[in-house]
Protein backbone atom coordinates (compact mmCIF):
# COMPACT_ATOMS: atom_id res chain seq x y z
CA MET A 1 0.14 -0.09 0.16
CA ALA A 2 1.32 3.52 -0.65
CA THR A 3 2.10 5.51 2.49
CA ASN A 4 0.92 8.94 3.19
CA ASN A 5 3.26 11.85 3.61
CA ILE A 6 1.14 14.42 5.37
CA LYS A 7 3.72 17.47 6.07
CA GLN A 8 2.89 19.70 8.77
CA ILE A 9 2.89 23.15 8.99
CA GLY A 10 5.81 24.59 11.13
CA LYS A 11 8.17 21.26 11.02
CA SER A 12 11.05 21.26 8.59
CA SER A 13 11.95 17.90 6.40
CA PRO A 14 15.13 15.93 7.06
CA PRO A 15 18.00 17.72 5.67
CA VAL A 16 19.25 16.45 2.21
CA GLN A 17 22.28 13.99 2.53
CA THR A 18 24.84 15.28 -0.04
CA GLN A 19 28.07 13.35 -0.37
CA SER A 20 30.98 14.97 0.31
CA THR A 21 33.38 14.15 -2.44
CA ASN A 22 35.89 16.70 -4.35
CA ALA A 23 34.62 17.79 -7.74
CA TRP A 24 38.83 17.55 -9.00
CA GLN A 25 38.26 13.31 -7.89
CA VAL A 26 34.92 13.28 -10.46
CA MET A 27 36.47 15.45 -13.10
CA LYS A 28 39.84 13.69 -12.80
CA PRO A 29 39.28 10.86 -15.32
CA PHE A 30 37.75 13.22 -17.92
CA VAL A 31 40.69 15.78 -17.84
CA HIS A 32 43.01 12.75 -18.30
CA PHE A 33 41.15 10.98 -21.30
CA GLY A 34 40.88 14.69 -22.75
CA ILE A 35 44.55 15.16 -22.47
CA LYS A 36 45.33 12.22 -24.06
CA ALA A 37 43.06 12.37 -26.67
CA THR A 38 44.58 15.96 -27.33
CA ALA A 39 48.09 15.11 -27.68
CA ALA A 40 46.98 11.83 -30.64
CA ILE A 41 45.32 14.56 -32.67
CA ALA A 42 48.33 16.88 -32.15
CA HIS A 43 50.69 14.22 -33.14
CA THR A 44 48.67 13.05 -36.07
CA LEU A 45 48.43 16.26 -37.30
CA ILE A 46 52.40 16.95 -37.01
CA ALA A 47 52.91 13.27 -39.00
CA ILE A 48 50.31 14.65 -41.73
CA ILE A 49 52.55 18.15 -42.34
CA LYS A 50 55.65 16.69 -42.25
CA HIS A 51 54.59 14.50 -45.04
CA ILE A 52 53.16 17.19 -46.82
CA PRO A 53 55.93 17.63 -49.65
CA LYS A 54 57.84 20.89 -49.44
CA PRO A 55 57.39 23.63 -52.87
CA GLY A 56 61.00 23.43 -53.97
CA ASP A 57 61.65 19.11 -53.81
CA HIS A 58 60.53 18.92 -57.15
CA GLN A 59 63.07 20.89 -58.58
CA LYS A 60 65.99 19.68 -56.83
CA GLU A 61 64.77 16.27 -58.59
CA LYS A 62 65.12 17.88 -62.28
CA THR A 63 68.85 19.22 -61.79
CA GLY A 64 69.66 15.05 -60.52
CA SER A 65 71.00 12.92 -63.62
CA ASN A 66 67.16 11.98 -64.04
CA SER A 67 66.20 15.41 -65.35
CA LYS A 68 63.13 13.95 -68.25
CA ILE A 69 60.03 15.59 -68.51
CA VAL A 70 57.13 13.99 -69.52
CA LYS A 71 53.95 15.70 -70.98
CA ILE A 72 50.64 14.53 -71.21
């Protein structure tokens, strides 16, 4: 059966219990994951940028022994 919670005027309700945890304890795993994810993205972008050919690289290849130009 359902219980009746009758509130009476002048009587306060029992205080709500809160957990006494530190905010850093709760957020630490999320911060750790965010730092690791940012590092992974940064390393990936650095690797991609390093593999982009420089503008002067194709001219250095022409001065070598194989200086044939193929026109299509």
